[in-house]
Amino acid sequence: MIGGTSLGSLPYLRDYRSKRASSFDREGNNSDWWYLDPGSRTTLLDVAKSGCVKHIWMTVGNDDAFPRKLVLRAWWDGEEHPSIECPLGDFFGIGHGLFKNFVCAPFQMSPQDGRGMNCWFPMPFDQARIEIANDGDQRVNLYFYIDYEEYDRPTSELARFHAQWRRESVTDGWLTERLNNENLWDIWSQRPNVTGDDNYVILDAVGDGVYVGCHLDVDCFQRQGNDWYGEGDDMIFIDGEPWPPSLHGTGTEDYFNTAFCPREEYHAPYHGVLHYSGNRDWNWKGKNSVYRYHIEDPIRFRESIRVTIEHGHANKLSNDYSSTAYWYQTEPHKAFPALLPVAARMPRPNEPEFPPVV
């Protein structure tokens, strides 16, 4: 069994060699970091023998804006386009340029203050190249481990890991008036969404594979409609199917396995609310981050998949949406949209505290 590991499988002595690429000091001293100069791209792993990445750990020493300034990319099997292309912090499970302590099955950010970033998704390959780019304006220190298994036979029967970041800094909402509970339902019914065409797109992939989840990061800055940024249904279109898709949900919090407009931070193995910025008087105002990983229930597609979610019911709200999607598929994959330049990746500044609603 190539690449497979679970608690129950540990007594089975699989045929592999344990390997690691890391930033250790080659002179035997304690300078165990690599410098990344502004504008530079550095290769972290480059191997031409079959294997599987089992764990990635990283930390950055001297720039608190690194989560959106550094970009992680990976290519498998000599492919032209990267299968992973993502700002570093977003790759490790949370957006908005944040790092904070949390635990879920595929990702953890560990003390101190979330600076120890971990990924446990297996990444099989017959060739692998992983690099990091510094799109910032200052030199940073990078510490890293990439732990992998090396095999004597190809892994061509296994799908390849992919991760993609997207952002729509102002979603195209149509609601321009503030609602209260008396007119909320009336105006919602005036604009039904029966196509999904204007939904926020988390993933648009072509090929044969499985979708294994995402985190969604919403900065609620326009006080349109009610305060809650959600009510947007998830709609996952498989193999070009029409609306309504096979997987049509009932609301943002429902897809992320929470309930009733959550205002509590919570993290479980496969779902949770990593960040909540609201306060007593302005619920959900500011930055919110939620995740759902399909580890026990991966979503199968054979030709294509389009993972979308409404930004507010029927796409009524204009807010800042970003996301990272994770999936496995056979190669070749559809080339990703061009990554936004660093200035367009940076999080929206936090707004000052607002007075109570009157």
Protein backbone atom coordinates (compact mmCIF):
# COMPACT_ATOMS: atom_id res chain seq x y z
CA MET A 1 0.00 0.00 0.00
CA ILE A 2 1.67 3.20 -1.23
CA GLY A 3 1.21 6.29 0.87
CA GLY A 4 -1.56 4.98 3.14
CA THR A 5 -1.28 5.45 6.90
CA SER A 6 -3.74 5.14 9.75
CA LEU A 7 -3.56 4.11 13.37
CA GLY A 8 -4.65 0.61 12.44
CA SER A 9 -2.11 0.30 9.63
CA LEU A 10 0.98 1.07 11.72
CA PRO A 11 1.90 -2.59 12.47
CA TYR A 12 2.11 -3.33 8.72
CA LEU A 13 5.71 -2.82 7.62
CA ARG A 14 5.25 -1.13 4.26
CA ASP A 15 8.10 -0.93 1.75
CA TYR A 16 9.47 2.64 1.76
CA ARG A 17 12.40 4.75 2.92
CA SER A 18 11.85 7.77 5.18
CA LYS A 19 13.26 11.01 3.78
CA ARG A 20 13.29 14.69 4.68
CA ALA A 21 14.13 18.02 3.09
CA SER A 22 14.74 20.73 5.69
CA SER A 23 16.42 24.05 6.33
CA PHE A 24 19.00 22.66 8.77
CA ASP A 25 22.39 24.40 8.96
CA ARG A 26 24.68 22.54 6.54
CA GLU A 27 27.73 23.67 8.55
CA GLY A 28 26.49 22.00 11.72
CA ASN A 29 25.68 25.21 13.56
CA ASN A 30 22.33 26.59 14.73
CA SER A 31 21.47 28.87 11.82
CA ASP A 32 18.67 26.52 10.81
CA TRP A 33 16.82 28.84 8.46
CA TRP A 34 17.00 29.91 4.84
CA TYR A 35 16.95 33.55 3.85
CA LEU A 36 14.32 34.49 1.26
CA ASP A 37 15.20 37.77 -0.42
CA PRO A 38 12.47 40.05 -1.83
CA GLY A 39 11.42 38.87 -5.28
CA SER A 40 13.21 35.53 -4.94
CA ARG A 41 11.97 31.99 -5.62
CA THR A 42 13.62 29.14 -3.74
CA THR A 43 13.32 25.38 -4.32
CA LEU A 44 12.57 23.44 -1.12
CA LEU A 45 12.26 19.93 -2.58
CA ASP A 46 13.38 18.56 -5.95
CA VAL A 47 13.35 14.77 -6.33
CA ALA A 48 13.10 12.54 -9.39
CA LYS A 49 12.28 9.29 -7.58
CA SER A 50 8.74 8.14 -6.71
CA GLY A 51 7.45 9.01 -3.29
CA CYS A 52 4.78 10.70 -1.20
CA VAL A 53 4.99 13.85 0.93
CA LYS A 54 3.48 12.95 4.30
CA HIS A 55 3.99 16.12 6.37
CA ILE A 56 5.03 19.73 5.84
CA TRP A 57 6.02 22.02 8.72
CA MET A 58 7.05 25.64 8.29
CA THR A 59 7.56 28.82 10.25
CA VAL A 60 8.71 32.31 9.31
CA GLY A 61 10.79 34.35 11.68
CA ASN A 62 10.68 38.05 10.97
CA ASP A 63 7.63 39.30 9.03
CA ASP A 64 4.11 39.11 10.42
CA ALA A 65 2.66 39.86 6.96
CA PHE A 66 4.18 36.69 5.49
CA PRO A 67 0.90 34.70 5.21
CA ARG A 68 -0.10 36.59 2.05
CA LYS A 69 3.37 37.73 0.86
CA LEU A 70 4.93 34.26 0.51
CA VAL A 71 3.57 31.84 -2.09
CA LEU A 72 3.88 28.05 -2.02
CA ARG A 73 3.94 26.17 -5.34
CA ALA A 74 4.34 22.48 -6.20
CA TRP A 75 4.69 20.60 -9.47
CA TRP A 76 4.28 16.83 -9.81
CA ASP A 77 5.81 14.62 -12.50
CA GLY A 78 7.32 17.40 -14.60
CA GLU A 79 4.00 19.12 -15.29
CA GLU A 80 3.90 22.58 -16.84
CA HIS A 81 1.45 24.22 -14.43
CA PRO A 82 1.72 24.03 -10.62
CA SER A 83 -0.73 21.79 -8.78
CA ILE A 84 -0.34 23.90 -5.65
CA GLU A 85 -0.32 27.69 -5.90
CA CYS A 86 -1.34 29.45 -2.73
CA PRO A 87 -0.28 32.19 -0.32
CA LEU A 88 1.53 30.43 2.48
CA GLY A 89 -0.85 31.15 5.35
CA ASP A 90 -3.91 30.28 3.27
CA PHE A 91 -2.34 26.97 2.26
CA PHE A 92 -2.00 26.03 5.93
CA GLY A 93 -5.70 26.47 6.61
CA ILE A 94 -6.72 30.04 7.46
CA GLY A 95 -7.07 33.26 5.46
CA HIS A 96 -7.05 37.03 6.09
CA GLY A 97 -3.28 36.98 6.55
CA LEU A 98 -3.82 35.46 10.00
CA PHE A 99 -1.92 32.91 12.00
CA LYS A 100 -3.41 31.61 15.24
CA ASN A 101 -3.49 28.38 17.20
CA PHE A 102 -5.99 25.83 15.86
CA VAL A 103 -6.34 22.09 15.32
CA CYS A 104 -8.13 20.14 12.59
CA ALA A 105 -7.34 16.84 10.87
CA PRO A 106 -5.30 17.99 7.85
CA PHE A 107 -3.89 21.25 9.28
CA GLN A 108 -2.68 22.67 12.55
CA MET A 109 -1.19 26.02 13.48
CA SER A 110 0.73 25.46 16.68
CA PRO A 111 2.21 27.61 19.45
CA GLN A 112 3.73 30.08 19.65
CA ASP A 113 0.68 32.03 18.47
CA GLY A 114 0.07 29.80 15.46
CA ARG A 115 3.53 30.30 13.97
CA GLY A 116 4.16 26.55 13.66
CA MET A 117 2.26 25.60 10.46
CA ASN A 118 1.54 21.94 9.68
CA CYS A 119 -0.04 20.07 6.75
CA TRP A 120 -0.81 16.32 6.78
CA PHE A 121 -2.42 15.83 3.36
CA PRO A 122 -0.52 13.02 1.53
CA MET A 123 0.96 14.11 -1.80
CA PRO A 124 2.11 11.20 -4.01
CA PHE A 125 4.45 11.79 -6.95
CA ASP A 126 6.89 10.21 -9.37
CA GLN A 127 8.76 13.50 -9.55
CA ALA A 128 8.30 16.45 -7.22
CA ARG A 129 9.36 20.07 -7.08
CA ILE A 130 8.20 22.37 -4.31
CA GLU A 131 9.22 26.00 -4.17
CA ILE A 132 8.43 29.15 -2.25
CA ALA A 133 8.41 32.73 -3.54
CA ASN A 134 8.87 35.90 -1.52
CA ASP A 135 6.67 38.57 -3.11
CA GLY A 136 7.23 40.94 -0.20
CA ASP A 137 9.63 43.84 0.16
CA GLN A 138 11.93 42.51 2.89
CA ARG A 139 14.13 39.49 3.50
CA VAL A 140 12.52 36.79 5.64
CA ASN A 141 13.77 33.74 7.51
CA LEU A 142 12.14 30.42 6.59
CA TYR A 143 12.40 27.24 8.63
CA PHE A 144 10.89 24.08 7.12
CA TYR A 145 10.57 20.30 7.16
CA ILE A 146 9.15 18.33 4.22
CA ASP A 147 8.88 14.70 5.34
CA TYR A 148 8.28 12.17 2.58
CA GLU A 149 8.43 8.48 1.72
CA GLU A 150 10.56 7.16 -1.12
CA TYR A 151 9.42 4.12 -3.16
CA ASP A 152 10.95 1.69 -5.64
CA ARG A 153 7.88 1.61 -7.86
CA PRO A 154 5.80 4.31 -9.53
CA THR A 155 2.74 5.90 -7.94
CA SER A 156 0.99 6.43 -11.27
CA GLU A 157 -2.22 4.78 -10.03
CA LEU A 158 -2.68 7.53 -7.43
CA ALA A 159 -4.29 10.93 -8.00
CA ARG A 160 -2.20 14.03 -7.36
CA PHE A 161 -2.83 16.62 -4.64
CA HIS A 162 -3.92 20.13 -5.64
CA ALA A 163 -4.53 23.37 -3.72
CA GLN A 164 -5.76 26.66 -5.15
CA TRP A 165 -6.43 30.08 -3.61
CA ARG A 166 -9.02 32.53 -4.95
CA ARG A 167 -10.30 35.94 -3.94
CA GLU A 168 -13.15 38.24 -4.94
CA SER A 169 -12.49 41.38 -2.91
CA VAL A 170 -15.98 42.78 -3.52
CA THR A 171 -18.64 40.27 -4.48
CA ASP A 172 -21.32 41.60 -6.81
CA GLY A 173 -24.32 41.90 -4.50
CA TRP A 174 -27.64 43.42 -5.52
CA LEU A 175 -29.13 44.46 -2.17
CA THR A 176 -28.62 48.13 -1.32
CA GLU A 177 -30.96 48.71 1.59
CA ARG A 178 -30.72 47.71 5.21
CA LEU A 179 -33.36 45.16 6.17
CA ASN A 180 -35.10 44.29 9.40
CA ASN A 181 -36.91 41.09 10.29
CA GLU A 182 -40.22 42.46 9.03
CA ASN A 183 -39.17 42.86 5.38
CA LEU A 184 -36.30 40.38 5.25
CA TRP A 185 -38.22 37.41 3.83
CA ASP A 186 -40.28 39.49 1.40
CA ILE A 187 -37.29 40.91 -0.43
CA TRP A 188 -35.43 37.58 -0.47
CA SER A 189 -38.29 35.98 -2.37
CA GLN A 190 -38.05 38.62 -5.10
CA ARG A 191 -34.69 37.37 -6.41
CA PRO A 192 -34.58 33.53 -6.45
CA ASN A 193 -31.33 31.93 -7.59
CA VAL A 194 -32.15 29.12 -10.03
CA THR A 195 -28.85 28.92 -11.93
CA GLY A 196 -25.93 29.40 -9.52
CA ASP A 197 -24.22 31.49 -12.21
CA ASP A 198 -23.32 34.40 -9.92
CA ASN A 199 -22.17 32.35 -6.95
CA TYR A 200 -18.70 32.77 -5.47
CA VAL A 201 -16.50 30.09 -7.05
CA ILE A 202 -14.33 28.08 -4.65
CA LEU A 203 -13.10 25.55 -7.24
CA ASP A 204 -13.47 25.05 -10.98
CA ALA A 205 -11.51 21.95 -12.02
CA VAL A 206 -11.47 19.63 -15.03
CA GLY A 207 -10.40 15.99 -14.80
CA ASP A 208 -10.94 12.81 -12.78
CA GLY A 209 -10.69 13.10 -9.02
CA VAL A 210 -12.12 13.90 -5.59
CA TYR A 211 -12.77 17.23 -3.88
CA VAL A 212 -11.62 17.09 -0.25
CA GLY A 213 -12.66 20.46 1.12
CA CYS A 214 -11.90 24.12 1.64
CA HIS A 215 -11.72 27.01 4.02
CA LEU A 216 -13.75 30.12 3.28
CA ASP A 217 -12.74 33.54 4.54
CA VAL A 218 -15.28 36.39 4.55
CA ASP A 219 -14.57 39.97 5.52
CA CYS A 220 -18.02 41.42 6.22
CA PHE A 221 -17.52 45.12 5.57
CA GLN A 222 -20.68 46.37 3.83
CA ARG A 223 -23.63 46.61 6.15
CA GLN A 224 -26.14 45.62 3.50
CA GLY A 225 -29.11 43.50 4.39
CA ASN A 226 -28.98 41.90 7.81
CA ASP A 227 -25.71 41.72 9.70
CA TRP A 228 -25.15 38.01 9.03
CA TYR A 229 -22.92 37.40 6.01
CA GLY A 230 -24.31 33.93 5.37
CA GLU A 231 -27.56 32.32 4.16
CA GLY A 232 -25.71 31.57 0.92
CA ASP A 233 -26.37 28.01 -0.27
CA ASP A 234 -23.49 25.80 -1.34
CA MET A 235 -23.93 24.37 -4.85
CA ILE A 236 -21.47 21.76 -6.13
CA PHE A 237 -21.86 20.96 -9.82
CA ILE A 238 -20.38 17.60 -10.86
CA ASP A 239 -19.44 16.67 -14.45
CA GLY A 240 -21.26 19.61 -16.03
CA GLU A 241 -24.68 18.89 -14.56
CA PRO A 242 -27.37 21.63 -14.72
CA TRP A 243 -29.00 23.42 -11.78
CA PRO A 244 -30.06 22.14 -9.33
CA PRO A 245 -26.86 20.16 -8.85
CA SER A 246 -26.64 16.79 -7.11
CA LEU A 247 -25.13 18.56 -4.08
CA HIS A 248 -27.26 21.61 -3.24
CA GLY A 249 -27.10 22.88 0.32
CA THR A 250 -29.27 25.03 2.55
CA GLY A 251 -26.99 27.79 3.81
CA THR A 252 -23.44 28.86 4.54
CA GLU A 253 -23.36 27.69 8.15
CA ASP A 254 -24.99 24.41 7.14
CA TYR A 255 -22.27 23.51 4.63
CA PHE A 256 -19.65 24.24 7.27
CA ASN A 257 -21.54 21.96 9.72
CA THR A 258 -22.47 24.70 12.18
CA ALA A 259 -25.88 26.21 12.90
CA PHE A 260 -27.83 29.41 13.42
CA CYS A 261 -25.35 32.10 12.37
CA PRO A 262 -22.44 31.01 14.60
CA ARG A 263 -20.69 33.57 16.76
CA GLU A 264 -18.33 31.16 18.53
CA GLU A 265 -14.91 29.95 17.46
CA TYR A 266 -14.77 26.16 17.29
CA HIS A 267 -12.51 23.65 15.58
CA ALA A 268 -13.19 19.93 15.05
CA PRO A 269 -11.31 17.45 12.84
CA TYR A 270 -13.33 18.19 9.70
CA HIS A 271 -15.21 21.47 10.25
CA GLY A 272 -15.20 24.60 12.32
CA VAL A 273 -15.10 28.37 12.79
CA LEU A 274 -11.47 29.42 13.05
CA HIS A 275 -12.00 33.14 13.35
CA TYR A 276 -14.89 35.40 14.36
CA SER A 277 -14.53 39.19 14.52
CA GLY A 278 -17.94 40.38 15.60
CA ASN A 279 -18.81 41.93 18.92
CA ARG A 280 -21.94 42.27 21.04
CA ASP A 281 -23.39 45.12 18.99
CA TRP A 282 -22.06 44.31 15.51
CA ASN A 283 -22.32 40.59 15.03
CA TRP A 284 -20.18 39.09 12.23
CA LYS A 285 -18.64 42.47 11.41
CA GLY A 286 -15.14 42.05 10.00
CA LYS A 287 -13.15 38.89 9.36
CA ASN A 288 -14.61 35.39 9.63
CA SER A 289 -13.00 32.08 8.67
CA VAL A 290 -14.74 28.68 8.40
CA TYR A 291 -13.67 25.28 7.07
CA ARG A 292 -15.09 21.97 5.88
CA TYR A 293 -12.89 19.01 4.93
CA HIS A 294 -14.39 16.02 3.12
CA ILE A 295 -12.04 13.44 4.59
CA GLU A 296 -14.70 10.84 5.42
CA ASP A 297 -16.95 11.90 2.52
CA PRO A 298 -14.77 12.96 -0.45
CA ILE A 299 -16.80 14.25 -3.39
CA ARG A 300 -16.17 12.25 -6.57
CA PHE A 301 -16.04 13.76 -10.04
CA ARG A 302 -14.99 12.14 -13.31
CA GLU A 303 -14.96 15.00 -15.81
CA SER A 304 -15.23 18.27 -13.91
CA ILE A 305 -16.31 19.91 -10.68
CA ARG A 306 -17.46 23.43 -9.86
CA VAL A 307 -17.70 24.18 -6.14
CA THR A 308 -19.65 27.38 -5.46
CA ILE A 309 -21.48 29.19 -2.68
CA GLU A 310 -23.86 32.14 -2.69
CA HIS A 311 -22.64 35.38 -1.09
CA GLY A 312 -25.73 35.95 0.97
CA HIS A 313 -29.08 34.50 -0.08
CA ALA A 314 -29.34 34.64 -3.91
CA ASN A 315 -26.00 36.52 -3.95
CA LYS A 316 -27.47 39.67 -2.43
CA LEU A 317 -24.42 40.77 -0.38
CA SER A 318 -21.21 42.57 -1.35
CA ASN A 319 -18.33 41.43 0.85
CA ASP A 320 -14.71 40.30 0.58
CA TYR A 321 -14.53 36.56 -0.16
CA SER A 322 -11.42 34.40 -0.41
CA SER A 323 -10.90 30.66 -0.16
CA THR A 324 -8.51 27.77 -0.55
CA ALA A 325 -9.76 24.55 -2.17
CA TYR A 326 -8.06 21.16 -1.83
CA TRP A 327 -8.57 18.20 -4.14
CA TYR A 328 -6.96 15.18 -5.80
CA GLN A 329 -7.12 14.44 -9.50
CA THR A 330 -5.28 12.77 -12.35
CA GLU A 331 -3.05 14.96 -14.51
CA PRO A 332 -3.12 17.07 -16.53
CA HIS A 333 -5.18 19.60 -14.61
CA LYS A 334 -6.79 22.83 -15.77
CA ALA A 335 -4.37 25.74 -15.38
CA PHE A 336 -5.25 28.01 -12.48
CA PRO A 337 -6.29 31.64 -13.00
CA ALA A 338 -3.35 34.01 -12.61
CA LEU A 339 -2.51 34.56 -8.96
CA LEU A 340 -3.30 38.07 -7.81
CA PRO A 341 -0.29 40.37 -7.29
CA VAL A 342 0.81 40.77 -3.71
CA ALA A 343 -0.91 44.13 -3.17
CA ALA A 344 -4.26 42.62 -4.23
CA ARG A 345 -3.74 39.62 -1.94
CA MET A 346 -3.31 41.60 1.26
CA PRO A 347 -6.23 41.57 3.72
CA ARG A 348 -8.56 44.52 3.99
CA PRO A 349 -7.58 46.78 6.93
CA ASN A 350 -9.65 46.22 10.05
CA GLU A 351 -12.29 48.87 10.53
CA PRO A 352 -12.63 50.66 13.89
CA GLU A 353 -15.19 49.53 16.42
CA PHE A 354 -18.70 50.71 15.63
CA PRO A 355 -21.23 52.08 18.11
CA PRO A 356 -24.36 50.10 18.99
CA VAL A 357 -27.15 49.92 16.45
CA VAL A 358 -29.98 52.34 17.30
